[in-house]
C-alpha atoms as a PDB file:
ATOM      1  CA  MET A   1      29.138 -12.253 -67.013  1.00  0.00           C
ATOM      2  CA  SER A   2      28.946  -9.288 -69.227  1.00  0.00           C
ATOM      3  CA  ALA A   3      31.584  -6.565 -69.294  1.00  0.00           C
ATOM      4  CA  SER A   4      28.953  -4.038 -68.098  1.00  0.00           C
ATOM      5  CA  THR A   5      28.228  -6.008 -65.047  1.00  0.00           C
ATOM      6  CA  LYS A   6      31.832  -6.445 -64.189  1.00  0.00           C
ATOM      7  CA  GLN A   7      32.412  -2.672 -64.673  1.00  0.00           C
ATOM      8  CA  ASP A   8      29.363  -2.108 -62.361  1.00  0.00           C
ATOM      9  CA  ARG A   9      31.122  -3.914 -59.414  1.00  0.00           C
ATOM     10  CA  SER A  10      34.252  -1.864 -60.240  1.00  0.00           C
ATOM     11  CA  THR A  11      32.519   1.250 -59.393  1.00  0.00           C
ATOM     12  CA  PRO A  12      33.652   2.577 -55.865  1.00  0.00           C
ATOM     13  CA  GLN A  13      31.213   2.467 -53.245  1.00  0.00           C
ATOM     14  CA  THR A  14      30.509   4.372 -50.020  1.00  0.00           C
ATOM     15  CA  ILE A  15      28.701   2.763 -46.910  1.00  0.00           C
ATOM     16  CA  ASP A  16      28.361   3.564 -43.284  1.00  0.00           C
ATOM     17  CA  VAL A  17      29.266   0.941 -40.690  1.00  0.00           C
ATOM     18  CA  ALA A  18      29.385   1.349 -36.920  1.00  0.00           C
ATOM     19  CA  GLY A  19      29.812   4.989 -37.092  1.00  0.00           C
ATOM     20  CA  TYR A  20      32.539   4.762 -39.762  1.00  0.00           C
ATOM     21  CA  GLN A  21      32.216   5.721 -43.524  1.00  0.00           C
ATOM     22  CA  ILE A  22      33.908   3.225 -45.686  1.00  0.00           C
ATOM     23  CA  TYR A  23      34.741   3.959 -49.215  1.00  0.00           C
ATOM     24  CA  GLY A  24      36.429   1.910 -52.079  1.00  0.00           C
ATOM     25  CA  VAL A  25      36.176  -0.964 -54.317  1.00  0.00           C
ATOM     26  CA  SER A  26      37.080  -4.791 -54.071  1.00  0.00           C
ATOM     27  CA  VAL A  27      36.823  -7.359 -56.776  1.00  0.00           C
ATOM     28  CA  ALA A  28      39.195 -10.396 -56.530  1.00  0.00           C
ATOM     29  CA  ALA A  29      42.095 -10.185 -59.196  1.00  0.00           C
ATOM     30  CA  MET A  30      41.137  -6.861 -60.372  1.00  0.00           C
ATOM     31  CA  GLU A  31      41.448  -4.218 -57.501  1.00  0.00           C
ATOM     32  CA  THR A  32      41.027  -3.799 -53.869  1.00  0.00           C
ATOM     33  CA  CYS A  33      41.224  -0.575 -52.075  1.00  0.00           C
ATOM     34  CA  ILE A  34      39.233   0.242 -48.984  1.00  0.00           C
ATOM     35  CA  CYS A  35      39.422   3.602 -47.182  1.00  0.00           C
ATOM     36  CA  ILE A  36      38.312   5.007 -43.952  1.00  0.00           C
ATOM     37  CA  PRO A  37      38.260   8.659 -44.649  1.00  0.00           C
ATOM     38  CA  SER A  38      37.860   9.778 -41.132  1.00  0.00           C
ATOM     39  CA  LEU A  39      41.246   8.289 -40.376  1.00  0.00           C
ATOM     40  CA  SER A  40      42.825   9.486 -43.734  1.00  0.00           C
ATOM     41  CA  LEU A  41      43.593   5.579 -43.995  1.00  0.00           C
ATOM     42  CA  ALA A  42      43.564   3.154 -46.945  1.00  0.00           C
ATOM     43  CA  PHE A  43      43.892  -0.523 -46.793  1.00  0.00           C
ATOM     44  CA  ASP A  44      45.670  -1.427 -50.009  1.00  0.00           C
ATOM     45  CA  SER A  45      45.928   0.728 -53.152  1.00  0.00           C
ATOM     46  CA  GLY A  46      43.868  -1.101 -55.838  1.00  0.00           C
ATOM     47  CA  ARG A  47      44.019   1.064 -59.050  1.00  0.00           C
ATOM     48  CA  CYS A  48      43.675   4.154 -56.803  1.00  0.00           C
ATOM     49  CA  PRO A  49      40.117   5.192 -56.824  1.00  0.00           C
ATOM     50  CA  PRO A  50      39.499   9.109 -56.737  1.00  0.00           C
ATOM     51  CA  ARG A  51      38.847   9.532 -52.973  1.00  0.00           C
ATOM     52  CA  ALA A  52      41.844   7.322 -52.029  1.00  0.00           C
ATOM     53  CA  VAL A  53      44.236  10.058 -53.233  1.00  0.00           C
ATOM     54  CA  SER A  54      43.349  12.127 -50.028  1.00  0.00           C
ATOM     55  CA  MET A  55      44.310   9.395 -47.794  1.00  0.00           C
ATOM     56  CA  LYS A  56      47.592  10.178 -45.973  1.00  0.00           C
ATOM     57  CA  PHE A  57      48.102   6.720 -44.705  1.00  0.00           C
ATOM     58  CA  MET A  58      48.176   3.365 -46.705  1.00  0.00           C
ATOM     59  CA  ALA A  59      48.395  -0.133 -45.316  1.00  0.00           C
ATOM     60  CA  ILE A  60      49.409  -2.698 -47.858  1.00  0.00           C
ATOM     61  CA  THR A  61      48.606  -6.143 -47.048  1.00  0.00           C
ATOM     62  CA  HIS A  62      50.815  -7.971 -49.720  1.00  0.00           C
ATOM     63  CA  GLY A  63      52.253  -7.375 -53.247  1.00  0.00           C
ATOM     64  CA  HIS A  64      49.805  -8.747 -55.717  1.00  0.00           C
ATOM     65  CA  CYS A  65      49.147  -6.305 -58.511  1.00  0.00           C
ATOM     66  CA  ASP A  66      45.405  -5.825 -57.532  1.00  0.00           C
ATOM     67  CA  HIS A  67      46.422  -4.751 -54.052  1.00  0.00           C
ATOM     68  CA  VAL A  68      49.561  -2.675 -54.682  1.00  0.00           C
ATOM     69  CA  HIS A  69      49.960  -1.256 -58.164  1.00  0.00           C
ATOM     70  CA  GLY A  70      47.976   1.911 -57.552  1.00  0.00           C
ATOM     71  CA  LEU A  71      50.366   2.934 -54.972  1.00  0.00           C
ATOM     72  CA  PRO A  72      52.737   5.059 -57.570  1.00  0.00           C
ATOM     73  CA  LEU A  73      49.524   6.622 -58.953  1.00  0.00           C
ATOM     74  CA  HIS A  74      48.450   7.682 -55.201  1.00  0.00           C
ATOM     75  CA  LEU A  75      51.921   8.967 -54.539  1.00  0.00           C
ATOM     76  CA  ALA A  76      52.327  10.768 -57.845  1.00  0.00           C
ATOM     77  CA  THR A  77      48.853  12.382 -57.583  1.00  0.00           C
ATOM     78  CA  ARG A  78      49.325  13.652 -54.091  1.00  0.00           C
ATOM     79  CA  SER A  79      52.754  15.074 -55.215  1.00  0.00           C
ATOM     80  CA  LEU A  80      51.001  16.810 -58.198  1.00  0.00           C
ATOM     81  CA  GLN A  81      48.322  18.320 -55.776  1.00  0.00           C
ATOM     82  CA  LYS A  82      50.980  19.246 -53.225  1.00  0.00           C
ATOM     83  CA  LEU A  83      49.517  17.192 -50.574  1.00  0.00           C
ATOM     84  CA  PRO A  84      51.554  16.218 -47.356  1.00  0.00           C
ATOM     85  CA  THR A  85      53.954  13.378 -47.724  1.00  0.00           C
ATOM     86  CA  PRO A  86      52.180   9.928 -47.429  1.00  0.00           C
ATOM     87  CA  THR A  87      53.203   7.162 -45.184  1.00  0.00           C
ATOM     88  CA  TYR A  88      52.940   3.501 -46.465  1.00  0.00           C
ATOM     89  CA  PHE A  89      52.901   0.499 -44.171  1.00  0.00           C
ATOM     90  CA  VAL A  90      53.876  -2.650 -45.684  1.00  0.00           C
ATOM     91  CA  PRO A  91      55.162  -6.246 -44.830  1.00  0.00           C
ATOM     92  CA  PRO A  92      58.835  -5.802 -44.171  1.00  0.00           C
ATOM     93  CA  GLU A  93      59.678  -8.378 -46.686  1.00  0.00           C
ATOM     94  CA  ILE A  94      58.533  -6.173 -49.538  1.00  0.00           C
ATOM     95  CA  VAL A  95      59.953  -2.794 -48.447  1.00  0.00           C
ATOM     96  CA  PRO A  96      62.710  -2.953 -51.022  1.00  0.00           C
ATOM     97  CA  ASP A  97      60.111  -3.810 -53.817  1.00  0.00           C
ATOM     98  CA  VAL A  98      57.900  -0.989 -52.948  1.00  0.00           C
ATOM     99  CA  LYS A  99      60.818   1.371 -53.057  1.00  0.00           C
ATOM    100  CA  ASN A 100      61.901  -0.078 -56.402  1.00  0.00           C
ATOM    101  CA  LEU A 101      58.287   0.129 -57.813  1.00  0.00           C
ATOM    102  CA  VAL A 102      58.192   3.903 -56.907  1.00  0.00           C
ATOM    103  CA  SER A 103      61.596   4.465 -58.199  1.00  0.00           C
ATOM    104  CA  ALA A 104      60.708   3.024 -61.585  1.00  0.00           C
ATOM    105  CA  VAL A 105      57.626   5.234 -61.907  1.00  0.00           C
ATOM    106  CA  ALA A 106      59.701   8.241 -60.834  1.00  0.00           C
ATOM    107  CA  LYS A 107      62.177   7.507 -63.463  1.00  0.00           C
ATOM    108  CA  LEU A 108      59.559   7.274 -66.069  1.00  0.00           C
ATOM    109  CA  GLU A 109      58.037  10.622 -65.184  1.00  0.00           C
ATOM    110  CA  GLN A 110      61.526  12.076 -64.541  1.00  0.00           C
ATOM    111  CA  SER A 111      60.259  13.214 -61.129  1.00  0.00           C
ATOM    112  CA  HIS A 112      61.015  12.913 -57.356  1.00  0.00           C
ATOM    113  CA  PHE A 113      58.577  11.562 -54.947  1.00  0.00           C
ATOM    114  CA  GLU A 114      58.799  12.286 -51.337  1.00  0.00           C
ATOM    115  CA  PHE A 115      56.983   9.426 -49.122  1.00  0.00           C
ATOM    116  CA  VAL A 116      57.696   7.189 -46.064  1.00  0.00           C
ATOM    117  CA  VAL A 117      57.542   3.354 -46.221  1.00  0.00           C
ATOM    118  CA  GLU A 118      57.731   1.467 -42.955  1.00  0.00           C
ATOM    119  CA  GLY A 119      57.902  -2.171 -42.728  1.00  0.00           C
ATOM    120  CA  LEU A 120      55.339  -3.008 -40.027  1.00  0.00           C
ATOM    121  CA  SER A 121      55.723  -6.693 -38.811  1.00  0.00           C
ATOM    122  CA  PRO A 122      53.379  -8.505 -36.590  1.00  0.00           C
ATOM    123  CA  SER A 123      55.977  -8.468 -33.789  1.00  0.00           C
ATOM    124  CA  HIS A 124      56.339  -4.648 -34.076  1.00  0.00           C
ATOM    125  CA  PRO A 125      54.478  -2.514 -31.375  1.00  0.00           C
ATOM    126  CA  PRO A 126      51.500  -0.741 -32.468  1.00  0.00           C
ATOM    127  CA  VAL A 127      52.285   2.669 -34.307  1.00  0.00           C
ATOM    128  CA  GLU A 128      50.380   5.777 -33.523  1.00  0.00           C
ATOM    129  CA  PHE A 129      49.637   6.908 -37.115  1.00  0.00           C
ATOM    130  CA  LYS A 130      47.070   9.576 -36.020  1.00  0.00           C
ATOM    131  CA  LYS A 131      46.549  11.099 -32.462  1.00  0.00           C
ATOM    132  CA  GLY A 132      44.657   8.483 -30.384  1.00  0.00           C
ATOM    133  CA  TRP A 133      44.773   5.840 -33.140  1.00  0.00           C
ATOM    134  CA  LEU A 134      47.121   3.066 -33.234  1.00  0.00           C
ATOM    135  CA  LEU A 135      47.914   0.613 -36.169  1.00  0.00           C
ATOM    136  CA  LYS A 136      49.324  -2.959 -35.623  1.00  0.00           C
ATOM    137  CA  SER A 137      49.660  -5.845 -38.214  1.00  0.00           C
ATOM    138  CA  PHE A 138      48.933  -9.604 -37.779  1.00  0.00           C
ATOM    139  CA  PRO A 139      50.028 -12.735 -39.756  1.00  0.00           C
ATOM    140  CA  THR A 140      47.781 -13.895 -42.741  1.00  0.00           C
ATOM    141  CA  THR A 141      47.994 -16.821 -44.919  1.00  0.00           C
ATOM    142  CA  HIS A 142      48.739 -16.274 -48.759  1.00  0.00           C
ATOM    143  CA  PRO A 143      51.200 -17.402 -51.252  1.00  0.00           C
ATOM    144  CA  VAL A 144      53.114 -14.377 -50.972  1.00  0.00           C
ATOM    145  CA  PRO A 145      54.396 -12.373 -47.805  1.00  0.00           C
ATOM    146  CA  SER A 146      51.224 -10.962 -46.360  1.00  0.00           C
ATOM    147  CA  GLN A 147      49.564  -9.469 -43.188  1.00  0.00           C
ATOM    148  CA  GLY A 148      46.349  -7.958 -41.979  1.00  0.00           C
ATOM    149  CA  TYR A 149      45.935  -4.732 -39.931  1.00  0.00           C
ATOM    150  CA  ILE A 150      44.187  -3.791 -36.770  1.00  0.00           C
ATOM    151  CA  VAL A 151      43.111  -0.181 -36.075  1.00  0.00           C
ATOM    152  CA  ILE A 152      43.156   0.596 -32.230  1.00  0.00           C
ATOM    153  CA  LYS A 153      41.503   3.366 -30.566  1.00  0.00           C
ATOM    154  CA  LYS A 154      42.972   4.737 -27.494  1.00  0.00           C
ATOM    155  CA  LYS A 155      40.780   6.498 -24.778  1.00  0.00           C
ATOM    156  CA  LYS A 156      40.700   7.328 -21.211  1.00  0.00           C
ATOM    157  CA  LYS A 157      38.215   5.869 -18.669  1.00  0.00           C
ATOM    158  CA  LEU A 158      37.612   7.007 -15.218  1.00  0.00           C
ATOM    159  CA  LYS A 159      39.084   4.515 -12.637  1.00  0.00           C
ATOM    160  CA  GLN A 160      36.357   2.380 -11.086  1.00  0.00           C
ATOM    161  CA  LYS A 161      37.067   3.674  -7.461  1.00  0.00           C
ATOM    162  CA  TYR A 162      36.530   7.204  -8.833  1.00  0.00           C
ATOM    163  CA  ILE A 163      33.285   6.706 -10.267  1.00  0.00           C
ATOM    164  CA  GLY A 164      30.697   9.068  -8.400  1.00  0.00           C
ATOM    165  CA  THR A 165      33.395  11.484  -7.149  1.00  0.00           C
ATOM    166  CA  PRO A 166      32.175  15.143  -7.641  1.00  0.00           C
ATOM    167  CA  GLY A 167      33.698  16.915 -10.726  1.00  0.00           C
ATOM    168  CA  PRO A 168      35.479  19.679  -8.794  1.00  0.00           C
ATOM    169  CA  GLU A 169      37.312  16.984  -6.518  1.00  0.00           C
ATOM    170  CA  LEU A 170      38.405  15.118  -9.763  1.00  0.00           C
ATOM    171  CA  VAL A 171      39.937  18.382 -11.040  1.00  0.00           C
ATOM    172  CA  LYS A 172      41.719  18.822  -7.916  1.00  0.00           C
ATOM    173  CA  MET A 173      43.091  15.372  -7.883  1.00  0.00           C
ATOM    174  CA  ARG A 174      44.223  15.459 -11.445  1.00  0.00           C
ATOM    175  CA  LYS A 175      46.094  19.018 -10.781  1.00  0.00           C
ATOM    176  CA  ALA A 176      47.712  17.265  -7.868  1.00  0.00           C
ATOM    177  CA  GLY A 177      49.035  14.577 -10.004  1.00  0.00           C
ATOM    178  CA  THR A 178      46.824  11.742  -9.139  1.00  0.00           C
ATOM    179  CA  GLU A 179      46.096   9.250 -12.051  1.00  0.00           C
ATOM    180  CA  ILE A 180      42.356   9.058 -11.955  1.00  0.00           C
ATOM    181  CA  GLU A 181      41.893   7.435 -15.437  1.00  0.00           C
ATOM    182  CA  ASP A 182      42.818   4.095 -16.912  1.00  0.00           C
ATOM    183  CA  ASN A 183      44.237   3.979 -20.662  1.00  0.00           C
ATOM    184  CA  ILE A 184      41.831   1.898 -22.780  1.00  0.00           C
ATOM    185  CA  ALA A 185      43.092   0.414 -26.087  1.00  0.00           C
ATOM    186  CA  SER A 186      40.231  -1.286 -28.144  1.00  0.00           C
ATOM    187  CA  PRO A 187      40.314  -2.841 -31.618  1.00  0.00           C
ATOM    188  CA  GLU A 188      37.896  -0.959 -33.666  1.00  0.00           C
ATOM    189  CA  ILE A 189      38.669  -1.979 -37.296  1.00  0.00           C
ATOM    190  CA  CYS A 190      40.279  -4.982 -38.744  1.00  0.00           C
ATOM    191  CA  PHE A 191      41.132  -5.542 -42.424  1.00  0.00           C
ATOM    192  CA  THR A 192      42.511  -9.059 -43.195  1.00  0.00           C
ATOM    193  CA  GLY A 193      43.427  -8.514 -46.830  1.00  0.00           C
ATOM    194  CA  ASP A 194      43.667 -11.784 -48.829  1.00  0.00           C
ATOM    195  CA  THR A 195      43.942 -14.889 -46.598  1.00  0.00           C
ATOM    196  CA  SER A 196      42.475 -18.133 -45.548  1.00  0.00           C
ATOM    197  CA  LEU A 197      40.183 -18.322 -42.424  1.00  0.00           C
ATOM    198  CA  ASP A 198      42.852 -19.434 -39.917  1.00  0.00           C
ATOM    199  CA  ALA A 199      44.189 -15.904 -39.803  1.00  0.00           C
ATOM    200  CA  ILE A 200      40.863 -14.778 -38.307  1.00  0.00           C
ATOM    201  CA  ALA A 201      40.813 -17.755 -35.986  1.00  0.00           C
ATOM    202  CA  LYS A 202      44.304 -17.177 -34.705  1.00  0.00           C
ATOM    203  CA  SER A 203      43.956 -13.363 -34.049  1.00  0.00           C
ATOM    204  CA  ASP A 204      42.027 -12.241 -30.789  1.00  0.00           C
ATOM    205  CA  ASP A 205      42.055  -8.734 -32.045  1.00  0.00           C
ATOM    206  CA  CYS A 206      40.465  -9.715 -35.219  1.00  0.00           C
ATOM    207  CA  ARG A 207      37.679 -11.470 -33.696  1.00  0.00           C
ATOM    208  CA  ARG A 208      37.170  -8.641 -31.130  1.00  0.00           C
ATOM    209  CA  ALA A 209      37.214  -5.821 -33.475  1.00  0.00           C
ATOM    210  CA  ARG A 210      33.947  -3.688 -33.781  1.00  0.00           C
ATOM    211  CA  VAL A 211      34.328  -3.732 -37.748  1.00  0.00           C
ATOM    212  CA  LEU A 212      35.833  -6.681 -39.274  1.00  0.00           C
ATOM    213  CA  ILE A 213      36.601  -6.306 -43.134  1.00  0.00           C
ATOM    214  CA  THR A 214      37.524  -9.477 -44.557  1.00  0.00           C
ATOM    215  CA  GLU A 215      37.672 -11.355 -47.710  1.00  0.00           C
ATOM    216  CA  MET A 216      35.188 -14.144 -48.908  1.00  0.00           C
ATOM    217  CA  THR A 217      36.403 -14.842 -52.510  1.00  0.00           C
ATOM    218  CA  PHE A 218      34.455 -17.913 -53.371  1.00  0.00           C
ATOM    219  CA  LEU A 219      30.551 -18.445 -52.916  1.00  0.00           C
ATOM    220  CA  ASP A 220      29.993 -21.668 -55.056  1.00  0.00           C
ATOM    221  CA  ASP A 221      31.117 -24.995 -56.332  1.00  0.00           C
ATOM    222  CA  PHE A 222      33.212 -23.333 -58.904  1.00  0.00           C
ATOM    223  CA  CYS A 223      36.056 -23.550 -56.361  1.00  0.00           C
ATOM    224  CA  SER A 224      35.869 -26.025 -53.330  1.00  0.00           C
ATOM    225  CA  PRO A 225      36.680 -24.851 -49.657  1.00  0.00           C
ATOM    226  CA  GLU A 226      39.899 -26.881 -49.734  1.00  0.00           C
ATOM    227  CA  HIS A 227      41.088 -25.369 -52.918  1.00  0.00           C
ATOM    228  CA  ALA A 228      40.167 -21.866 -51.642  1.00  0.00           C
ATOM    229  CA  GLU A 229      42.327 -22.473 -48.491  1.00  0.00           C
ATOM    230  CA  ASN A 230      45.141 -23.807 -50.383  1.00  0.00           C
ATOM    231  CA  CYS A 231      45.186 -20.663 -52.548  1.00  0.00           C
ATOM    232  CA  GLY A 232      44.996 -18.407 -49.351  1.00  0.00           C
ATOM    233  CA  HIS A 233      41.464 -17.323 -49.758  1.00  0.00           C
ATOM    234  CA  ILE A 234      38.087 -17.933 -47.949  1.00  0.00           C
ATOM    235  CA  HIS A 235      35.036 -19.847 -49.300  1.00  0.00           C
ATOM    236  CA  ILE A 236      31.547 -19.169 -47.865  1.00  0.00           C
ATOM    237  CA  ASP A 237      31.209 -22.521 -46.757  1.00  0.00           C
ATOM    238  CA  GLN A 238      34.056 -22.098 -44.397  1.00  0.00           C
ATOM    239  CA  VAL A 239      32.451 -19.062 -43.013  1.00  0.00           C
ATOM    240  CA  ILE A 240      29.225 -20.893 -42.394  1.00  0.00           C
ATOM    241  CA  GLU A 241      30.965 -23.833 -40.632  1.00  0.00           C
ATOM    242  CA  ASN A 242      32.842 -21.322 -38.546  1.00  0.00           C
ATOM    243  CA  SER A 243      30.483 -18.563 -37.766  1.00  0.00           C
ATOM    244  CA  ASN A 244      31.221 -18.592 -34.215  1.00  0.00           C
ATOM    245  CA  LEU A 245      34.479 -16.785 -35.220  1.00  0.00           C
ATOM    246  CA  PHE A 246      32.448 -13.630 -35.920  1.00  0.00           C
ATOM    247  CA  ASP A 247      30.381 -13.693 -32.758  1.00  0.00           C
ATOM    248  CA  GLU A 248      32.092 -10.688 -31.065  1.00  0.00           C
ATOM    249  CA  ASN A 249      32.349  -8.447 -34.070  1.00  0.00           C
ATOM    250  CA  GLU A 250      29.580  -5.708 -34.251  1.00  0.00           C
ATOM    251  CA  SER A 251      29.736  -5.619 -38.074  1.00  0.00           C
ATOM    252  CA  VAL A 252      31.279  -7.853 -40.535  1.00  0.00           C
ATOM    253  CA  VAL A 253      32.012  -6.466 -44.075  1.00  0.00           C
ATOM    254  CA  PHE A 254      32.692  -9.136 -46.703  1.00  0.00           C
ATOM    255  CA  THR A 255      34.782  -8.167 -49.692  1.00  0.00           C
ATOM    256  CA  HIS A 256      37.072  -9.442 -52.563  1.00  0.00           C
ATOM    257  CA  PHE A 257      34.188 -11.455 -54.043  1.00  0.00           C
ATOM    258  CA  SER A 258      35.456 -13.309 -57.427  1.00  0.00           C
ATOM    259  CA  ALA A 259      34.698 -11.210 -60.578  1.00  0.00           C
ATOM    260  CA  ARG A 260      32.569 -14.090 -61.885  1.00  0.00           C
ATOM    261  CA  TYR A 261      29.888 -13.234 -59.471  1.00  0.00           C
ATOM    262  CA  SER A 262      27.258 -10.507 -60.063  1.00  0.00           C
ATOM    263  CA  LYS A 263      25.781  -8.190 -57.418  1.00  0.00           C
ATOM    264  CA  ALA A 264      22.544 -10.160 -57.198  1.00  0.00           C
ATOM    265  CA  GLY A 265      24.338 -13.456 -56.902  1.00  0.00           C
ATOM    266  CA  ILE A 266      26.575 -12.065 -53.952  1.00  0.00           C
ATOM    267  CA  ARG A 267      23.512 -10.938 -52.242  1.00  0.00           C
ATOM    268  CA  ARG A 268      21.698 -14.275 -52.671  1.00  0.00           C
ATOM    269  CA  ALA A 269      24.829 -16.159 -51.486  1.00  0.00           C
ATOM    270  CA  LEU A 270      24.984 -14.302 -48.228  1.00  0.00           C
ATOM    271  CA  TRP A 271      21.486 -15.496 -47.337  1.00  0.00           C
ATOM    272  CA  LYS A 272      23.216 -18.784 -46.783  1.00  0.00           C
ATOM    273  CA  LEU A 273      24.991 -17.426 -43.602  1.00  0.00           C
ATOM    274  CA  PRO A 274      23.546 -18.289 -40.250  1.00  0.00           C
ATOM    275  CA  GLU A 275      21.074 -15.806 -39.123  1.00  0.00           C
ATOM    276  CA  GLY A 276      23.070 -13.988 -36.394  1.00  0.00           C
ATOM    277  CA  LEU A 277      26.029 -13.504 -38.730  1.00  0.00           C
ATOM    278  CA  ARG A 278      23.852 -12.610 -41.693  1.00  0.00           C
ATOM    279  CA  GLN A 279      22.134  -9.851 -39.817  1.00  0.00           C
ATOM    280  CA  LYS A 280      25.419  -8.030 -39.098  1.00  0.00           C
ATOM    281  CA  SER A 281      27.105  -8.665 -42.367  1.00  0.00           C
ATOM    282  CA  ILE A 282      27.451  -6.401 -45.540  1.00  0.00           C
ATOM    283  CA  ALA A 283      28.643  -7.429 -48.895  1.00  0.00           C
ATOM    284  CA  PHE A 284      30.820  -4.609 -49.971  1.00  0.00           C
ATOM    285  CA  GLY A 285      30.214  -3.752 -53.610  1.00  0.00           C
ATOM    286  CA  ALA A 286      26.978  -5.571 -54.129  1.00  0.00           C
END
């Protein structure tokens, strides 16, 4: 593959999926940063593409360079632009390492950075990072400590027994302290980061999320499905064989394709997917 082709896939992209704008870039072993601007949330830092700087929250899946080393640039640039203190959610095991990474950069720049880093383990209750929006993590499989993230939307729904009740009466009931609504929490967005397919199979929220953003690193015989799994990655053949895992997702965004594949090659490969999955799939960056 030519250098110009690789550079083309490293250009950030913006797409609209199920009512969400998704911005970023994802090329395996080079950089991965996926942003949801409406939530001011980035998944992984990549090399910190331009629009990622405005994301106040960042959820890091693991400590490999192509997923975390843009974090100090994100922090330093926000500091320079006098933007609010950012919060980084990370696997608990790497909290000290992330702090050390930032400290090293601060020392080089002779600066002081204000930031919050939270170890958000899969056993931890969901965190309300933005009003009405929760973030929780789930276990993934990779050679280093890793986890994916679920974005959950909180909303209220009128209780079944009050459906059809006139509006003025509902207002009186609410003022009198009657609970007329149920609290509903629905998984909206799932980001797996680098993982083998078992992480999706084991996570109900992941399979139920309206938008699933997941890796699919290998698309051909360059790497066997078995080797991909041993390395903590997903091969397209595994997706084809287990396409039922994606039945409940409204949209599936595949990312993290190996740098050896061209845009055209990625698009051709996705035609191998079963029709039902193919119709709701997007190859991000292709």
